[in-house]
């Protein structure tokens, strides 16, 4: 971005994913990107992270899957997806074009077991040559098997990474659950992860006091949105200080100051999640907003602001 005689470079390197700016979208809140083209040029973003995909299609959890709570939303979608090959068939051409426009595609994979994660990555490795990187979702709280149940401890998370690492040479990101983040982050780095994404939703509960039932199809669901932002910033700061690999920060990012906080806390990239549902242009506006903030801070590259919090 150029302002007067000054300019700032917004390019960042997220564990081998070279991005023209640090703005991403979080998995599960942006689909595969094509639905947002009517709101803005998705190619402006540094990267998108696809919805989590398993080796075979998953139906996800029954409805109701989402509800609003004060300053947040809750979901129990359960990673419903058409499977890796279904995504490649339905969205592959668009995602390849998006890569060609300079927006990196991070292909997120999921599984019920270590073996299923490995199978999903093997399929994506073969059928998705356009993907710049893979992200392992070992943190979804809404699965009866898999997700946070296979990634909630340093031992379990590192087992998944070690099983997947030999199956691809592309950059490998791991999306962490919001528990024991420093320990799990170090374990994933030791196992071969190239970057980390955090945080996923935080498990919560919302009850209809008239029916005395959960407002979701399951007793609990994942809380996301502005209510969890301060927690997310703290966890990004903890993870960034625990490892030497880059961090992709997310959790309640809805404006420039939210994104800037993540970068100052140590995030190399910032992802927009829940805000995509009520403000579909949010991520696009952050591209310009973060550049203006970096100029205001007097730096020549956004990289000089990563982890620059003085505390």
Protein backbone atom coordinates (compact mmCIF):
# COMPACT_ATOMS: atom_id res chain seq x y z
CA UNK A 1 0.00 0.00 0.00
CA UNK A 2 1.29 3.48 -0.89
CA UNK A 3 0.34 6.68 0.93
CA UNK A 4 2.14 9.82 -0.16
CA UNK A 5 5.86 9.03 -0.35
CA UNK A 6 5.57 6.07 2.02
CA UNK A 7 4.68 2.46 1.31
CA UNK A 8 4.31 -0.74 3.31
CA UNK A 9 4.74 -4.35 2.28
CA UNK A 10 1.91 -6.58 3.48
CA UNK A 11 3.40 -9.89 2.29
CA UNK A 12 3.83 -12.59 4.95
CA UNK A 13 5.06 -16.18 5.06
CA UNK A 14 2.83 -18.52 7.06
CA UNK A 15 5.04 -21.57 7.41
CA UNK A 16 5.78 -21.76 3.71
CA UNK A 17 2.44 -20.33 2.57
CA UNK A 18 3.54 -17.09 0.92
CA UNK A 19 0.66 -14.62 1.13
CA UNK A 20 0.34 -11.17 -0.41
CA UNK A 21 -1.30 -9.93 2.80
CA UNK A 22 -2.06 -11.48 6.20
CA UNK A 23 -5.86 -11.63 5.84
CA UNK A 24 -7.48 -15.09 5.71
CA UNK A 25 -10.88 -16.59 6.33
CA UNK A 26 -11.43 -19.24 8.97
CA UNK A 27 -12.62 -22.70 8.02
CA UNK A 28 -16.33 -23.39 8.27
CA UNK A 29 -17.41 -19.77 7.97
CA UNK A 30 -16.59 -19.06 4.33
CA UNK A 31 -17.57 -22.28 2.56
CA UNK A 32 -15.19 -22.64 -0.36
CA UNK A 33 -15.18 -18.93 -1.20
CA UNK A 34 -17.25 -18.84 -4.37
CA UNK A 35 -20.45 -17.71 -2.60
CA UNK A 36 -18.68 -14.51 -1.50
CA UNK A 37 -17.63 -13.40 -4.99
CA UNK A 38 -20.84 -11.36 -5.26
CA UNK A 39 -19.74 -9.27 -2.27
CA UNK A 40 -16.08 -8.65 -3.18
CA UNK A 41 -13.15 -10.00 -5.18
CA UNK A 42 -12.07 -12.95 -3.03
CA UNK A 43 -8.74 -12.91 -4.87
CA UNK A 44 -7.82 -9.83 -2.79
CA UNK A 45 -7.36 -11.99 0.31
CA UNK A 46 -4.07 -13.48 1.36
CA UNK A 47 -5.66 -16.92 1.76
CA UNK A 48 -8.86 -18.78 2.43
CA UNK A 49 -9.18 -21.94 4.49
CA UNK A 50 -11.74 -24.36 3.09
CA UNK A 51 -14.44 -26.02 5.07
CA UNK A 52 -13.09 -29.11 6.79
CA UNK A 53 -13.20 -32.16 4.52
CA UNK A 54 -12.99 -35.84 5.38
CA UNK A 55 -11.98 -38.75 3.18
CA UNK A 56 -15.64 -39.78 2.86
CA UNK A 57 -18.68 -37.45 2.96
CA UNK A 58 -20.09 -36.61 6.39
CA UNK A 59 -23.70 -35.61 7.08
CA UNK A 60 -22.85 -33.68 10.24
CA UNK A 61 -25.20 -33.25 13.20
CA UNK A 62 -29.00 -32.87 13.00
CA UNK A 63 -30.70 -29.44 13.07
CA UNK A 64 -30.88 -27.07 14.81
CA UNK A 65 -27.17 -26.53 14.26
CA UNK A 66 -26.75 -22.84 15.03
CA UNK A 67 -28.15 -20.24 17.43
CA UNK A 68 -27.31 -16.73 18.58
CA UNK A 69 -26.25 -15.94 22.14
CA UNK A 70 -25.19 -12.55 23.57
CA UNK A 71 -22.13 -11.20 21.66
CA UNK A 72 -21.58 -14.60 20.05
CA UNK A 73 -23.05 -17.49 18.14
CA UNK A 74 -23.06 -21.20 18.79
CA UNK A 75 -22.89 -24.08 16.36
CA UNK A 76 -22.93 -27.83 16.29
CA UNK A 77 -22.56 -28.34 12.56
CA UNK A 78 -20.27 -31.31 13.07
CA UNK A 79 -18.16 -30.76 9.96
CA UNK A 80 -20.81 -31.73 7.42
CA UNK A 81 -18.98 -31.98 4.09
CA UNK A 82 -19.09 -33.76 0.70
CA UNK A 83 -15.73 -35.49 1.17
CA UNK A 84 -12.42 -34.60 -0.42
CA UNK A 85 -13.37 -35.91 -3.86
CA UNK A 86 -16.76 -34.21 -3.70
CA UNK A 87 -15.06 -30.88 -3.03
CA UNK A 88 -12.55 -31.42 -5.80
CA UNK A 89 -15.36 -32.23 -8.25
CA UNK A 90 -17.64 -29.36 -7.23
CA UNK A 91 -15.19 -26.60 -6.24
CA UNK A 92 -11.82 -27.61 -7.69
CA UNK A 93 -12.02 -25.42 -10.78
CA UNK A 94 -12.93 -22.35 -8.73
CA UNK A 95 -10.24 -23.01 -6.12
CA UNK A 96 -7.59 -23.50 -8.82
CA UNK A 97 -8.64 -20.18 -10.36
CA UNK A 98 -8.47 -18.51 -6.95
CA UNK A 99 -4.90 -19.71 -6.52
CA UNK A 100 -4.14 -18.29 -9.95
CA UNK A 101 -5.44 -14.92 -8.77
CA UNK A 102 -2.90 -14.93 -5.93
CA UNK A 103 -5.17 -16.00 -3.06
CA UNK A 104 -3.67 -19.05 -1.39
CA UNK A 105 -5.97 -22.02 -0.72
CA UNK A 106 -5.46 -23.84 2.57
CA UNK A 107 -7.29 -27.17 2.32
CA UNK A 108 -8.57 -28.22 5.74
CA UNK A 109 -8.97 -31.94 6.45
CA UNK A 110 -10.75 -33.76 9.27
CA UNK A 111 -11.13 -37.31 10.53
CA UNK A 112 -12.62 -39.51 13.22
CA UNK A 113 -9.28 -41.22 13.79
CA UNK A 114 -5.58 -40.81 13.02
CA UNK A 115 -6.03 -43.14 10.06
CA UNK A 116 -8.87 -41.03 8.64
CA UNK A 117 -6.77 -37.85 8.81
CA UNK A 118 -4.02 -39.61 6.91
CA UNK A 119 -6.49 -40.93 4.31
CA UNK A 120 -7.99 -37.47 3.76
CA UNK A 121 -4.56 -35.89 3.24
CA UNK A 122 -3.56 -38.65 0.82
CA UNK A 123 -6.69 -38.02 -1.26
CA UNK A 124 -6.19 -34.27 -1.23
CA UNK A 125 -2.52 -34.67 -2.09
CA UNK A 126 -3.52 -36.65 -5.18
CA UNK A 127 -6.59 -34.73 -6.34
CA UNK A 128 -6.04 -31.12 -5.19
CA UNK A 129 -2.79 -29.94 -6.79
CA UNK A 130 -4.02 -26.35 -6.51
CA UNK A 131 -3.94 -26.35 -2.69
CA UNK A 132 -1.02 -24.38 -1.23
CA UNK A 133 -1.19 -26.15 2.13
CA UNK A 134 -3.18 -28.50 4.33
CA UNK A 135 -4.66 -27.72 7.72
CA UNK A 136 -5.49 -30.49 10.21
CA UNK A 137 -8.60 -29.74 12.24
CA UNK A 138 -7.86 -31.56 15.49
CA UNK A 139 -10.04 -29.21 17.52
CA UNK A 140 -13.71 -29.32 16.46
CA UNK A 141 -15.73 -29.67 19.72
CA UNK A 142 -18.88 -30.95 17.99
CA UNK A 143 -17.93 -34.49 17.03
CA UNK A 144 -18.75 -37.73 18.83
CA UNK A 145 -15.45 -39.08 17.43
CA UNK A 146 -12.50 -37.10 16.10
CA UNK A 147 -11.86 -33.34 16.23
CA UNK A 148 -10.94 -32.18 19.73
CA UNK A 149 -11.19 -35.78 20.94
CA UNK A 150 -8.07 -36.68 18.94
CA UNK A 151 -6.25 -33.37 19.36
CA UNK A 152 -6.94 -32.22 22.88
CA UNK A 153 -3.64 -33.34 24.39
CA UNK A 154 -0.03 -32.88 23.26
CA UNK A 155 0.33 -36.63 22.80
CA UNK A 156 -2.80 -37.07 20.68
CA UNK A 157 -2.26 -33.97 18.53
CA UNK A 158 1.36 -34.89 17.78
CA UNK A 159 0.30 -38.44 16.84
CA UNK A 160 -1.95 -37.03 14.09
CA UNK A 161 0.79 -34.73 12.80
CA UNK A 162 3.36 -37.54 12.74
CA UNK A 163 0.97 -39.78 10.82
CA UNK A 164 0.21 -37.12 8.20
CA UNK A 165 3.62 -35.47 7.81
CA UNK A 166 5.18 -38.19 5.60
CA UNK A 167 2.19 -38.08 3.26
CA UNK A 168 2.76 -34.57 1.93
CA UNK A 169 5.59 -32.15 1.31
CA UNK A 170 3.25 -29.16 1.29
CA UNK A 171 3.08 -26.82 4.30
CA UNK A 172 1.12 -28.42 7.14
CA UNK A 173 -0.93 -26.30 9.55
CA UNK A 174 -2.66 -27.60 12.68
CA UNK A 175 -5.78 -25.97 14.11
CA UNK A 176 -5.62 -26.20 17.89
CA UNK A 177 -8.35 -26.58 20.48
CA UNK A 178 -8.51 -23.76 23.08
CA UNK A 179 -6.96 -25.90 25.82
CA UNK A 180 -3.31 -26.30 26.90
CA UNK A 181 -2.35 -24.30 23.80
CA UNK A 182 1.33 -23.81 24.64
CA UNK A 183 1.89 -27.51 25.35
CA UNK A 184 -0.04 -28.71 22.30
CA UNK A 185 1.64 -26.08 20.12
CA UNK A 186 5.12 -27.29 21.10
CA UNK A 187 4.12 -30.93 20.52
CA UNK A 188 2.81 -30.14 17.03
CA UNK A 189 5.95 -28.19 16.14
CA UNK A 190 8.13 -31.08 17.30
CA UNK A 191 6.02 -33.51 15.21
CA UNK A 192 6.58 -31.54 12.00
CA UNK A 193 3.88 -28.85 11.77
CA UNK A 194 4.85 -25.77 9.74
CA UNK A 195 2.32 -23.39 11.31
CA UNK A 196 -0.54 -23.31 13.82
CA UNK A 197 -4.08 -21.95 13.67
CA UNK A 198 -5.96 -20.92 16.82
CA UNK A 199 -8.39 -20.75 18.36
CA UNK A 200 -11.31 -22.99 17.46
CA UNK A 201 -14.67 -22.43 19.14
CA UNK A 202 -15.04 -22.82 22.90
CA UNK A 203 -17.55 -25.41 24.12
CA UNK A 204 -20.67 -23.86 25.65
CA UNK A 205 -24.35 -24.44 26.35
CA UNK A 206 -27.55 -22.48 25.68
CA UNK A 207 -30.94 -23.60 27.03
CA UNK A 208 -34.50 -22.69 26.04
CA UNK A 209 -36.06 -22.06 29.44
CA UNK A 210 -39.58 -22.68 28.10
CA UNK A 211 -38.93 -26.10 26.59
CA UNK A 212 -36.09 -26.88 29.04
CA UNK A 213 -34.12 -28.18 26.09
CA UNK A 214 -30.85 -27.21 24.45
CA UNK A 215 -31.26 -24.67 21.67
CA UNK A 216 -29.06 -26.94 19.56
CA UNK A 217 -29.54 -30.57 18.57
CA UNK A 218 -26.80 -31.56 21.01
CA UNK A 219 -26.48 -30.45 24.65
CA UNK A 220 -23.40 -28.36 23.90
CA UNK A 221 -21.93 -26.45 20.97
CA UNK A 222 -18.99 -24.26 19.98
CA UNK A 223 -19.11 -20.57 20.97
CA UNK A 224 -17.55 -18.08 18.54
CA UNK A 225 -17.63 -14.35 17.79
CA UNK A 226 -16.74 -11.16 19.68
CA UNK A 227 -17.36 -12.74 23.10
CA UNK A 228 -14.28 -14.97 22.76
CA UNK A 229 -11.90 -12.42 21.17
CA UNK A 230 -9.93 -11.47 24.30
CA UNK A 231 -9.49 -15.16 25.13
CA UNK A 232 -8.25 -15.82 21.61
CA UNK A 233 -5.71 -12.97 21.74
CA UNK A 234 -4.32 -14.35 25.00
CA UNK A 235 -3.99 -17.86 23.54
CA UNK A 236 -2.33 -16.59 20.34
CA UNK A 237 0.16 -14.73 22.52
CA UNK A 238 0.84 -17.89 24.57
CA UNK A 239 1.28 -20.09 21.51
CA UNK A 240 3.47 -17.57 19.67
CA UNK A 241 5.81 -17.43 22.67
CA UNK A 242 5.92 -21.23 22.94
CA UNK A 243 7.01 -22.08 19.37
CA UNK A 244 9.18 -20.76 16.56
CA UNK A 245 6.71 -21.60 13.75
CA UNK A 246 4.14 -18.99 12.64
CA UNK A 247 0.64 -18.64 14.06
CA UNK A 248 -2.62 -17.90 12.24
CA UNK A 249 -4.78 -16.03 14.79
CA UNK A 250 -8.58 -16.19 14.86
CA UNK A 251 -11.40 -15.73 17.31
CA UNK A 252 -13.85 -12.84 17.23
CA UNK A 253 -12.00 -10.84 14.57
CA UNK A 254 -14.53 -8.36 13.18
CA UNK A 255 -12.55 -5.16 12.61
CA UNK A 256 -9.11 -3.69 12.00
CA UNK A 257 -8.28 -3.27 15.68
CA UNK A 258 -9.22 -6.90 16.38
CA UNK A 259 -6.88 -8.06 13.60
CA UNK A 260 -4.11 -5.68 14.69
CA UNK A 261 -4.33 -7.05 18.24
CA UNK A 262 -3.75 -10.56 16.90
CA UNK A 263 -0.65 -9.44 14.97
CA UNK A 264 0.80 -7.58 17.95
CA UNK A 265 0.19 -10.70 20.07
CA UNK A 266 2.30 -12.73 17.64
CA UNK A 267 0.06 -13.81 14.75
CA UNK A 268 1.64 -13.82 11.30
CA UNK A 269 -1.80 -14.08 9.67
CA UNK A 270 -5.32 -13.28 10.87
CA UNK A 271 -8.51 -15.12 9.98
CA UNK A 272 -12.08 -13.83 9.95
CA UNK A 273 -14.66 -16.34 11.16
CA UNK A 274 -18.10 -15.59 12.58
CA UNK A 275 -18.10 -12.03 11.19
CA UNK A 276 -18.43 -13.50 7.68
CA UNK A 277 -22.02 -14.48 8.56
CA UNK A 278 -23.26 -10.97 9.37
CA UNK A 279 -20.73 -8.84 7.44
CA UNK A 280 -19.63 -10.68 4.28
CA UNK A 281 -17.28 -7.83 3.28
CA UNK A 282 -15.39 -7.87 6.60
CA UNK A 283 -12.32 -9.75 5.36
CA UNK A 284 -11.98 -7.54 2.28
CA UNK A 285 -12.09 -4.37 4.36
CA UNK A 286 -9.37 -5.72 6.65
CA UNK A 287 -6.94 -5.90 3.71
CA UNK A 288 -6.97 -2.12 3.35
CA UNK A 289 -7.53 -1.44 7.03
CA UNK A 290 -4.48 -3.37 8.18
CA UNK A 291 -2.32 -1.68 5.55
CA UNK A 292 -3.46 1.74 6.75
CA UNK A 293 -2.72 0.73 10.36
CA UNK A 294 0.77 -0.48 9.40
CA UNK A 295 1.47 2.83 7.67
CA UNK A 296 0.24 4.71 10.72
CA UNK A 297 2.68 2.67 12.83
CA UNK A 298 5.58 3.88 10.68
CA UNK A 299 6.86 0.49 9.51
CA UNK A 300 7.80 -0.53 5.97
CA UNK A 301 6.57 -4.13 6.36
CA UNK A 302 3.74 -5.66 8.37
CA UNK A 303 6.25 -8.26 9.56
CA UNK A 304 7.80 -5.64 11.85
CA UNK A 305 4.56 -5.57 13.85
CA UNK A 306 4.23 -9.34 14.41
CA UNK A 307 4.63 -9.94 18.14
CA UNK A 308 5.43 -6.26 18.75
CA UNK A 309 3.16 -5.91 21.77
CA UNK A 310 5.01 -4.17 24.58
CA UNK A 311 3.84 -6.01 27.67
